[in-house]
Amino acid sequence: MKKLHNFSAGPSILPQEVFEKAAAGVRDLNGSGLSILEMSHRSAPFKEIYNEAVSLVRELLGISDEMEVLFLTGGASTQFFMVPLNLLDEQGQAAYLDTGTWSTKAIKEVSQFGKVNVVASGKEDGYTSIPKSYAVPSASTYFHITSNNTIYGTQLHEVPQVDVPIVADMSSDIMSGPLNTDPYGVIYAGAQKNLGPAGTTLVIIRKSLLGKIERQIPTMLNYQTHIEKNSAFNTPPVFPIYATMLNLRWLKANGGLAGAKARNEEKAKVIYDEIDRNTLFEGVTVAEDRSLMNATFVLKDPSLEADFVERATSAGCVGIKGHRSVGGFRASIYNAMPKSSVQALVDQMQAFEHHVTSH
């Protein structure tokens, strides 16, 4: 079977060896005679998997004992309301940076639990850049950011210098490079873009932030519930956690997060250099805020889009169409994307340029 170059924004690709080991675990987990899909989440083999996954997250990100690591369900979208539900008092205020669709969705949820202060927004500029000039009031309970914006192709390359805990949605750039977790109160990430298959959400939370509000919190939405039960208050998503653990093993074995950053920067340079060179294409975000995970670009002549998509697809480059809300093209080049696949897309961009300009 021909292996395609999958540029989808998510669910995204994983390393081939992770696919193979995950598939083997579905058939028979380590010679146990049981599939990971049928194994009890309270069994010793799965507890070992879970503990290794947590340990690898801690090791790769350098997380201290002051923070808990959880694997929950409901995607990052559930964290949009779990964060203020657990952290924000009704008389309190949280600061948010609006950098695109997902931060807008997070902002929408906050008003149910407390006051929200949108300190800056990139909406007027079509979210083509990250706002730089803003102030976060020191009285804020936390400051929420979306570190990478999959739809628009922008990324925060520096941690904001603020005096309050940062809450970060890192769904699409978690583990893409080294991270100093000290400024963060909460980090959350849906697994399906850079960590593992869809079905689990990584949540890293500073324990000192909990227990400071008086409201009643439903049991399943209380972080403390999941901390006390090691993410197993109810049946956890065993297979996504298993595959995520395998992917974290792969990351560690391939240079850790420093290695991942070097590879991601190299891949991003290949695609952005071609976007800037090619006479038919142009980027849509300011250069300094370009994402290392999601390269967004357009054809200067939109009437050529269908032809380019057809030619790229025929060459095995799939998932390049931009999000339905913005159009154009998007090449998602997460950790597992090999440089050879990025080069395959660049080759098609160059061939298309030759095709158009020679006719």
Protein backbone atom coordinates (compact mmCIF):
# COMPACT_ATOMS: atom_id res chain seq x y z
CA MET A 1 0.00 0.00 0.00
CA LYS A 2 1.29 3.45 -0.92
CA LYS A 3 2.09 5.52 2.16
CA LEU A 4 0.70 9.02 1.85
CA HIS A 5 2.26 12.25 3.07
CA ASN A 6 -0.39 13.27 5.59
CA PHE A 7 -0.42 17.01 6.32
CA SER A 8 -3.72 16.89 8.23
CA ALA A 9 -4.03 19.17 11.26
CA GLY A 10 -5.47 16.31 13.30
CA PRO A 11 -5.90 13.54 13.99
CA SER A 12 -2.32 13.62 12.80
CA ILE A 13 0.37 11.13 11.97
CA LEU A 14 2.57 9.34 14.48
CA PRO A 15 5.96 7.71 13.87
CA GLN A 16 5.65 4.49 11.86
CA GLU A 17 7.17 2.43 14.65
CA VAL A 18 4.53 3.76 17.04
CA PHE A 19 1.78 2.72 14.64
CA GLU A 20 3.31 -0.76 14.42
CA LYS A 21 3.79 -1.22 18.16
CA ALA A 22 0.32 0.13 18.90
CA ALA A 23 -1.16 -2.27 16.35
CA ALA A 24 0.73 -5.16 17.93
CA GLY A 25 -0.68 -4.19 21.32
CA VAL A 26 -4.19 -4.33 19.92
CA ARG A 27 -3.55 -7.91 18.82
CA ASP A 28 -1.63 -9.03 21.92
CA LEU A 29 -0.09 -6.77 24.54
CA ASN A 30 3.45 -7.94 25.24
CA GLY A 31 2.59 -11.63 25.01
CA SER A 32 -0.12 -11.38 27.66
CA GLY A 33 -2.73 -13.12 25.54
CA LEU A 34 -4.92 -10.04 25.85
CA SER A 35 -5.43 -6.99 23.66
CA ILE A 36 -4.87 -3.56 25.18
CA LEU A 37 -8.49 -2.93 24.15
CA GLU A 38 -9.83 -5.60 26.49
CA MET A 39 -7.39 -5.31 29.36
CA SER A 40 -8.66 -3.96 32.69
CA HIS A 41 -7.60 -0.41 33.41
CA ARG A 42 -6.93 -1.57 36.97
CA SER A 43 -4.63 -4.40 35.92
CA ALA A 44 -0.92 -4.32 36.68
CA PRO A 45 0.09 -4.17 32.98
CA PHE A 46 -2.02 -1.11 32.29
CA LYS A 47 -0.92 0.61 35.50
CA GLU A 48 2.65 0.16 34.29
CA ILE A 49 1.71 1.78 30.96
CA TYR A 50 0.00 4.69 32.69
CA ASN A 51 2.85 5.23 35.15
CA GLU A 52 5.40 5.17 32.33
CA ALA A 53 3.38 7.69 30.34
CA VAL A 54 3.23 10.04 33.35
CA SER A 55 6.94 9.51 34.07
CA LEU A 56 7.90 10.30 30.48
CA VAL A 57 5.83 13.49 30.49
CA ARG A 58 7.58 14.55 33.69
CA GLU A 59 11.01 13.67 32.34
CA LEU A 60 10.66 15.25 28.91
CA LEU A 61 9.14 18.50 30.20
CA GLY A 62 11.12 18.62 33.46
CA ILE A 63 8.00 18.79 35.61
CA SER A 64 8.45 19.18 39.35
CA ASP A 65 6.48 17.40 42.06
CA GLU A 66 4.52 20.63 42.52
CA MET A 67 2.54 19.71 39.41
CA GLU A 68 0.25 16.76 38.70
CA VAL A 69 0.03 14.95 35.36
CA LEU A 70 -3.37 13.66 34.26
CA PHE A 71 -4.76 11.90 31.20
CA LEU A 72 -8.42 12.90 30.89
CA THR A 73 -11.13 12.80 28.22
CA GLY A 74 -13.30 15.39 26.51
CA GLY A 75 -10.56 17.03 24.46
CA ALA A 76 -9.06 20.45 25.02
CA SER A 77 -12.56 21.93 24.58
CA THR A 78 -13.58 20.45 27.94
CA GLN A 79 -10.66 22.24 29.53
CA PHE A 80 -12.09 25.54 28.30
CA PHE A 81 -14.62 25.29 31.13
CA MET A 82 -12.85 22.94 33.57
CA VAL A 83 -10.09 25.50 34.11
CA PRO A 84 -12.35 28.39 35.25
CA LEU A 85 -14.70 25.98 37.02
CA ASN A 86 -11.83 24.79 39.23
CA LEU A 87 -9.73 27.94 39.50
CA LEU A 88 -11.84 31.07 39.07
CA ASP A 89 -13.95 32.47 41.89
CA GLU A 90 -17.18 34.26 40.95
CA GLN A 91 -15.69 37.54 42.15
CA GLY A 92 -12.39 36.79 40.45
CA GLN A 93 -11.06 37.80 37.07
CA ALA A 94 -9.07 35.86 34.48
CA ALA A 95 -7.03 37.40 31.67
CA TYR A 96 -7.13 35.92 28.17
CA LEU A 97 -5.10 36.54 25.01
CA ASP A 98 -7.26 36.14 21.89
CA THR A 99 -5.17 34.71 19.06
CA GLY A 100 -7.74 32.75 17.09
CA THR A 101 -10.68 30.38 16.98
CA TRP A 102 -9.72 28.17 19.93
CA SER A 103 -8.91 31.03 22.29
CA THR A 104 -12.24 32.61 21.29
CA LYS A 105 -14.03 29.41 22.26
CA ALA A 106 -12.18 29.32 25.58
CA ILE A 107 -13.10 32.94 26.29
CA LYS A 108 -16.78 32.16 25.67
CA GLU A 109 -16.85 29.67 28.54
CA VAL A 110 -15.30 31.86 31.25
CA SER A 111 -18.21 34.23 31.82
CA GLN A 112 -20.20 31.39 33.42
CA PHE A 113 -17.73 31.23 36.30
CA GLY A 114 -16.22 34.69 36.77
CA LYS A 115 -15.06 37.79 34.96
CA VAL A 116 -12.95 37.65 31.82
CA ASN A 117 -10.55 40.34 30.67
CA VAL A 118 -9.41 39.97 27.04
CA VAL A 119 -6.12 41.84 27.29
CA ALA A 120 -5.47 41.82 23.53
CA SER A 121 -6.88 40.34 20.34
CA GLY A 122 -5.56 39.67 16.86
CA LYS A 123 -9.06 39.56 15.37
CA GLU A 124 -8.88 42.90 13.54
CA ASP A 125 -5.79 41.69 11.67
CA GLY A 126 -7.41 38.38 10.80
CA TYR A 127 -5.29 36.63 13.42
CA THR A 128 -2.25 36.87 11.15
CA SER A 129 0.00 37.87 14.05
CA ILE A 130 0.30 37.49 17.81
CA PRO A 131 -0.51 40.66 19.80
CA LYS A 132 2.62 41.99 21.51
CA SER A 133 1.52 45.04 23.47
CA TYR A 134 -0.75 44.29 26.40
CA ALA A 135 -0.79 44.31 30.19
CA VAL A 136 -2.05 41.53 32.43
CA PRO A 137 -3.44 42.87 35.73
CA SER A 138 -1.63 41.38 38.72
CA ALA A 139 -5.01 40.73 40.35
CA SER A 140 -5.85 38.17 37.63
CA THR A 141 -6.30 34.61 38.86
CA TYR A 142 -4.51 33.37 35.75
CA PHE A 143 -3.53 34.38 32.21
CA HIS A 144 -4.74 32.06 29.44
CA ILE A 145 -2.88 31.66 26.14
CA THR A 146 -3.13 29.37 23.13
CA SER A 147 0.50 28.62 22.35
CA ASN A 148 -0.05 27.54 18.73
CA ASN A 149 -2.96 28.38 16.46
CA THR A 150 -3.61 25.53 14.04
CA ILE A 151 -6.12 27.37 11.87
CA TYR A 152 -4.15 30.57 11.30
CA GLY A 153 -0.61 29.22 11.54
CA THR A 154 0.75 31.45 14.31
CA GLN A 155 2.73 30.47 17.40
CA LEU A 156 4.01 32.14 20.56
CA HIS A 157 7.78 31.69 20.42
CA GLU A 158 8.43 33.33 23.79
CA VAL A 159 6.69 32.74 27.11
CA PRO A 160 4.80 35.91 28.15
CA GLN A 161 6.43 37.67 31.10
CA VAL A 162 3.55 38.12 33.54
CA ASP A 163 3.10 38.11 37.31
CA VAL A 164 0.29 35.54 37.43
CA PRO A 165 0.13 31.81 36.62
CA ILE A 166 -0.14 31.05 32.91
CA VAL A 167 -2.77 28.60 31.66
CA ALA A 168 -1.85 27.32 28.23
CA ASP A 169 -3.72 25.37 25.58
CA MET A 170 -0.80 23.57 23.92
CA SER A 171 -2.83 21.10 21.92
CA SER A 172 -0.87 21.51 18.71
CA ASP A 173 2.69 22.21 19.85
CA ILE A 174 3.08 20.25 23.09
CA MET A 175 6.40 18.37 23.16
CA SER A 176 7.64 20.16 20.03
CA GLY A 177 10.57 21.68 21.89
CA PRO A 178 12.00 22.29 25.38
CA LEU A 179 9.71 24.12 27.79
CA ASN A 180 10.31 25.83 31.11
CA THR A 181 7.16 24.90 33.03
CA ASP A 182 7.83 27.21 35.99
CA PRO A 183 5.54 30.08 34.80
CA TYR A 184 2.62 27.75 34.16
CA GLY A 185 -0.31 26.94 36.40
CA VAL A 186 -2.04 24.63 33.92
CA ILE A 187 -0.97 23.13 30.60
CA TYR A 188 -3.50 21.15 28.62
CA ALA A 189 -3.38 19.48 25.23
CA GLY A 190 -5.62 17.24 23.19
CA ALA A 191 -3.41 14.31 22.21
CA GLN A 192 -4.48 14.02 18.59
CA LYS A 193 -2.23 16.68 17.09
CA ASN A 194 1.25 16.01 18.46
CA LEU A 195 1.04 13.44 21.26
CA GLY A 196 -1.02 10.42 20.26
CA PRO A 197 -4.38 9.33 18.89
CA ALA A 198 -7.64 11.13 19.58
CA GLY A 199 -9.33 10.18 22.83
CA THR A 200 -7.22 11.51 25.67
CA THR A 201 -6.19 14.95 26.88
CA LEU A 202 -2.99 15.69 28.75
CA VAL A 203 -3.51 18.02 31.71
CA ILE A 204 -0.64 19.29 33.83
CA ILE A 205 -1.75 21.31 36.83
CA ARG A 206 0.00 23.05 39.72
CA LYS A 207 -1.49 21.64 42.92
CA SER A 208 -1.25 24.92 44.84
CA LEU A 209 -3.92 26.47 42.59
CA LEU A 210 -6.60 24.01 43.67
CA GLY A 211 -9.01 24.24 46.59
CA LYS A 212 -9.26 28.02 46.61
CA ILE A 213 -12.86 28.47 45.49
CA GLU A 214 -16.09 27.79 47.34
CA ARG A 215 -18.38 26.61 44.55
CA GLN A 216 -19.55 23.04 44.29
CA ILE A 217 -17.78 21.25 41.45
CA PRO A 218 -19.33 18.15 39.85
CA THR A 219 -17.24 15.12 40.74
CA MET A 220 -16.15 14.33 37.17
CA LEU A 221 -15.16 17.94 36.50
CA ASN A 222 -13.08 18.34 39.66
CA TYR A 223 -9.34 18.08 39.03
CA GLN A 224 -8.86 16.79 42.57
CA THR A 225 -11.02 13.76 41.76
CA HIS A 226 -8.68 12.69 38.98
CA ILE A 227 -5.52 13.48 40.94
CA GLU A 228 -6.64 11.24 43.81
CA LYS A 229 -7.54 8.37 41.45
CA ASN A 230 -4.56 8.66 39.07
CA SER A 231 -6.87 9.49 36.14
CA ALA A 232 -8.86 6.31 36.81
CA PHE A 233 -11.94 7.56 38.68
CA ASN A 234 -13.81 6.06 35.74
CA THR A 235 -12.45 3.92 32.91
CA PRO A 236 -9.71 5.94 31.21
CA PRO A 237 -9.06 5.82 27.44
CA VAL A 238 -6.62 2.91 27.68
CA PHE A 239 -5.59 2.67 24.03
CA PRO A 240 -4.91 6.40 23.47
CA ILE A 241 -2.84 6.45 26.67
CA TYR A 242 -0.92 3.38 25.50
CA ALA A 243 -0.19 4.87 22.08
CA THR A 244 0.76 8.19 23.66
CA MET A 245 3.20 6.38 25.93
CA LEU A 246 4.77 4.69 22.89
CA ASN A 247 5.09 8.07 21.18
CA LEU A 248 6.74 9.58 24.27
CA ARG A 249 9.21 6.68 24.27
CA TRP A 250 9.98 7.49 20.64
CA LEU A 251 10.52 11.16 21.47
CA LYS A 252 12.92 10.31 24.29
CA ALA A 253 14.87 7.89 22.11
CA ASN A 254 15.20 10.47 19.33
CA GLY A 255 16.89 13.31 21.12
CA GLY A 256 14.14 14.35 23.50
CA LEU A 257 12.55 17.77 23.07
CA ALA A 258 15.79 19.43 21.99
CA GLY A 259 15.98 16.95 19.13
CA ALA A 260 12.34 17.54 18.28
CA LYS A 261 12.86 21.31 18.13
CA ALA A 262 15.87 20.99 15.83
CA ARG A 263 13.95 18.74 13.44
CA ASN A 264 10.86 20.95 13.53
CA GLU A 265 12.86 24.10 12.79
CA GLU A 266 14.59 22.36 9.89
CA LYS A 267 11.28 21.18 8.39
CA ALA A 268 9.65 24.58 8.85
CA LYS A 269 12.54 26.29 7.07
CA VAL A 270 12.10 24.01 4.05
CA ILE A 271 8.40 24.85 3.61
CA TYR A 272 8.62 28.55 4.46
CA ASP A 273 11.63 29.11 2.20
CA GLU A 274 9.60 27.69 -0.68
CA ILE A 275 6.51 29.75 0.18
CA ASP A 276 8.65 32.89 0.11
CA ARG A 277 10.53 31.92 -3.07
CA ASN A 278 7.69 30.55 -5.18
CA THR A 279 6.11 33.15 -7.47
CA LEU A 280 2.66 31.54 -7.17
CA PHE A 281 2.32 31.28 -3.38
CA GLU A 282 2.48 33.59 -0.38
CA GLY A 283 2.29 33.17 3.36
CA VAL A 284 -0.60 34.58 5.38
CA THR A 285 1.04 35.25 8.75
CA VAL A 286 3.79 37.67 9.76
CA ALA A 287 7.20 36.02 9.57
CA GLU A 288 8.11 36.39 13.25
CA ASP A 289 4.96 34.57 14.41
CA ARG A 290 5.01 31.70 11.91
CA SER A 291 4.15 28.37 13.43
CA LEU A 292 6.64 25.50 13.37
CA MET A 293 3.65 23.13 13.42
CA ASN A 294 1.17 24.55 10.88
CA ALA A 295 2.41 26.41 7.82
CA THR A 296 -0.42 28.39 6.21
CA PHE A 297 -0.24 29.84 2.71
CA VAL A 298 -2.36 30.77 -0.30
CA LEU A 299 -2.10 30.92 -4.05
CA LYS A 300 -1.94 34.48 -5.32
CA ASP A 301 -4.42 33.39 -7.97
CA PRO A 302 -7.20 31.52 -6.11
CA SER A 303 -8.55 30.11 -9.37
CA LEU A 304 -5.56 27.74 -9.42
CA GLU A 305 -6.39 26.10 -6.08
CA ALA A 306 -8.34 23.09 -7.36
CA ASP A 307 -5.65 22.26 -9.90
CA PHE A 308 -2.88 22.41 -7.30
CA VAL A 309 -4.81 20.27 -4.81
CA GLU A 310 -5.45 17.66 -7.49
CA ARG A 311 -1.80 17.52 -8.52
CA ALA A 312 -0.53 17.41 -4.91
CA THR A 313 -3.03 14.70 -3.98
CA SER A 314 -2.01 12.62 -7.00
CA ALA A 315 1.56 12.82 -5.70
CA GLY A 316 0.45 11.54 -2.27
CA CYS A 317 0.37 14.88 -0.45
CA VAL A 318 -2.98 14.89 1.36
CA GLY A 319 -4.66 17.09 4.00
CA ILE A 320 -3.22 20.35 2.66
CA LYS A 321 -6.45 22.32 2.33
CA GLY A 322 -6.76 25.12 4.84
CA HIS A 323 -9.40 25.17 7.55
CA ARG A 324 -12.88 25.72 6.14
CA SER A 325 -13.12 29.09 7.92
CA VAL A 326 -10.06 30.60 6.21
CA GLY A 327 -9.42 28.59 3.03
CA GLY A 328 -6.05 28.45 1.31
CA PHE A 329 -3.59 25.77 2.34
CA ARG A 330 -2.17 24.41 5.56
CA ALA A 331 0.71 21.99 5.93
CA SER A 332 0.77 20.53 9.43
CA ILE A 333 4.31 19.34 10.15
CA TYR A 334 4.11 17.93 13.66
CA ASN A 335 6.89 15.98 15.39
CA ALA A 336 6.30 12.76 13.46
CA MET A 337 6.31 14.38 10.02
CA PRO A 338 9.57 13.44 8.29
CA LYS A 339 11.53 16.05 6.37
CA SER A 340 11.14 13.89 3.25
CA SER A 341 7.37 14.46 3.31
CA VAL A 342 7.83 18.22 3.59
CA GLN A 343 10.23 18.04 0.65
CA ALA A 344 7.64 16.05 -1.31
CA LEU A 345 5.16 18.92 -0.92
CA VAL A 346 7.81 21.50 -1.83
CA ASP A 347 8.59 19.47 -4.96
CA GLN A 348 4.92 19.69 -5.96
CA MET A 349 4.87 23.46 -5.35
CA GLN A 350 7.90 23.84 -7.60
CA ALA A 351 6.46 21.55 -10.27
CA PHE A 352 3.20 23.49 -10.19
CA GLU A 353 5.05 26.77 -10.61
CA HIS A 354 6.82 25.36 -13.65
CA HIS A 355 3.54 24.04 -15.06
CA VAL A 356 1.74 27.38 -14.71
CA THR A 357 4.53 29.67 -15.85
CA SER A 358 5.47 27.56 -18.85
CA HIS A 359 1.95 27.68 -20.31
